Amino acid sequence: MENINIPIMEVNVGGLELKNPIMTASGTFGYGEEYSPYVDLNRLGALIVKGLSLEPKEGNPPPRIIETTAGMLNAVGLENVGIRAFIEEKLPFLKQFDVPVIVNVFGETIEEYTKVADILSNVEGIAGLEINISCPNVKAGGLEFGADPNLAYEVIHNVKSVTHIPVIVKLTPNVTDITSIAKRVQEAGADAISLINTLKGMSVDIEKRVPHLENITGGLSGPGIKPVALRMVWEVTREVSIPVIGVGGIMNARDALEFFIVGAKAVQIGTANFVNPRATIEILEGIEQYMGENGISDINDLIGTIITE
């Protein structure tokens, strides 16, 4: 006999069947193994590894992380081992677990994005790709791919032409109109959208009168950006038909629930992992508790239930 007290947590995100809607945010969970002593990886809905490029990348010189009033600024610079080392050295560990592994990828040219996607799409154990289009296009004078609707379309259209696995597009919030970008990546064939990436910010040492970060500016994450992320998720879910994954400042179950209510199909936990390595599991358990207390038997019944009139 089915136990009606256990809520249904399964969600379908762009063709990815997840046992629950809790995902890790790229860049905050390493390659997964780093958190395995603290988190049962099998309990996650999906594991998104830190961003990968075609070749290894050293990232920016330190200092490259600074705490802020309600979060943190990072200018790590997408340091990573490269896709070949990931496939050979990191992926075998992850294949032991019953959790979909999604690889976040980035590039400096459309050709690089396409090549990385092509290689990873044919590797056993990779369930999907998350395309980070918050990167500067070296062929367009440094303009971010995600800041221009047509550039965003071109990247995703090319990636979709070489892959058969689900493609999630991670959008930058550093734009005037987030919905115009979202609609263009949907037209290009994106299976889902995750938003938001970090907000561009800076911090200054008033004694030395120099930036705290060697890179001067960095990406702001943490609870300070949650209202912006929530607003953008709400806007985008009303304009696109593909699933939206909420990211940005989710520190506890109540934060995550706000994203579901405005329309997110899943959420990614990021900066919270640095504060509490068990944040993902505690957020999952908190959502289940809320559902039980409010008579909600299926997480899908909560999604998009906001009342604005």
Foldseek 3Di string as FASTA:
>chain_A
DDDLLFFQAWFQALNQTFSHQEEADAPFCALPPVLVVPDVQQPGRAYEYHEAFQAFDQFDDDPAWDADPFFIFGRRGRGDHHDVCCLVPRQVVVQVYPHAYEYEYEDQALVRLQVSLLVVQPRPRHQYYEYEQQFFNVVVVGDGCQQDQVSLLSSLLSSVVRHDHAYEYEHEPPYDDNQSNLVSSVVSPHSEYEDHWFDKDWAADVVVRATNGPVRIGGTAAQVCLVVQLVSLLVNQVRDDGAYEGEGHDQAQVSQLSSQQSAHRHYHDGRNCVVPVCRSVRNVVVVSVVCSVVVNRYSNVRGNNDDDD
